[in-house]
Every structure is written in structure tokens, then in C-alpha cells.
């Protein structure tokens, strides 16, 4: 089995949560829209009724975890923009990884802007 089967044929799963942990300013020059590219790739394969949630990288608000992804250092609206985009494109929701970052100072501004955007 593979992702193509899981997203096209009924009965293999109830939901899927691809981990799309990149920003849209990925790469050395920050010019690759990695989040959007991967989201579109997964959604393009989706042909069945399985619920589709997206794993988002709250942990990357800690710049030590950014891994060649300058978008996390350039702005603090990554999560709110990603959630707006995945919602607009028909995803069923999202999951933040990792919950321990809900209480860390490095994530505070990103989470505040996320909450403001959802209110």
C-alpha cells in the first residue's frame, strides 16, 4: 500500500495527517513555496472520503529546529497563513506538533497571531 492507494480507494483509512512542516520561504534563498507545493501535491491525490488533516510544525518556531527553512525566522504568521490556506483548499483541520511548544516562549508570538486570525 502507498499514499496513492490510501487517498484514492475507499476503506483503507478514516483519516490521514500528512506532516507538512515547511514554510513558504524554504531553501537557502527562501524562494521555494514548500508548504503550498506539498499541500497541493497531497490534495491533488485525494479522491476518496477520508478526512484530511495537516500536521503543522509548531516546533519550528524554535529557530534551532528550522532546518534550512528561513521562513520560520523571517515572520511569525506561518501557522495562521498555513491554516487559512489549508482551510480554503478544503482540508478538514490541522494538528500542531509538538504540544510541548504550546508553552514555550519561542512559539508565543506565532500562537498569538494564530489565535487573532481565528477570532
Foldseek 3Di string as FASTA:
>chain_A
DDLLCVQADPDPDQADEEEQEAFCQAAQRRNHHSSVVVLCVSVVSHHDDRAYEYEYELVVLPVVPNVRHCVSVVDLQRVLVSQVVSVVVPHPYYHYPDPVSVPDPSNVVSVVNNVVSVD
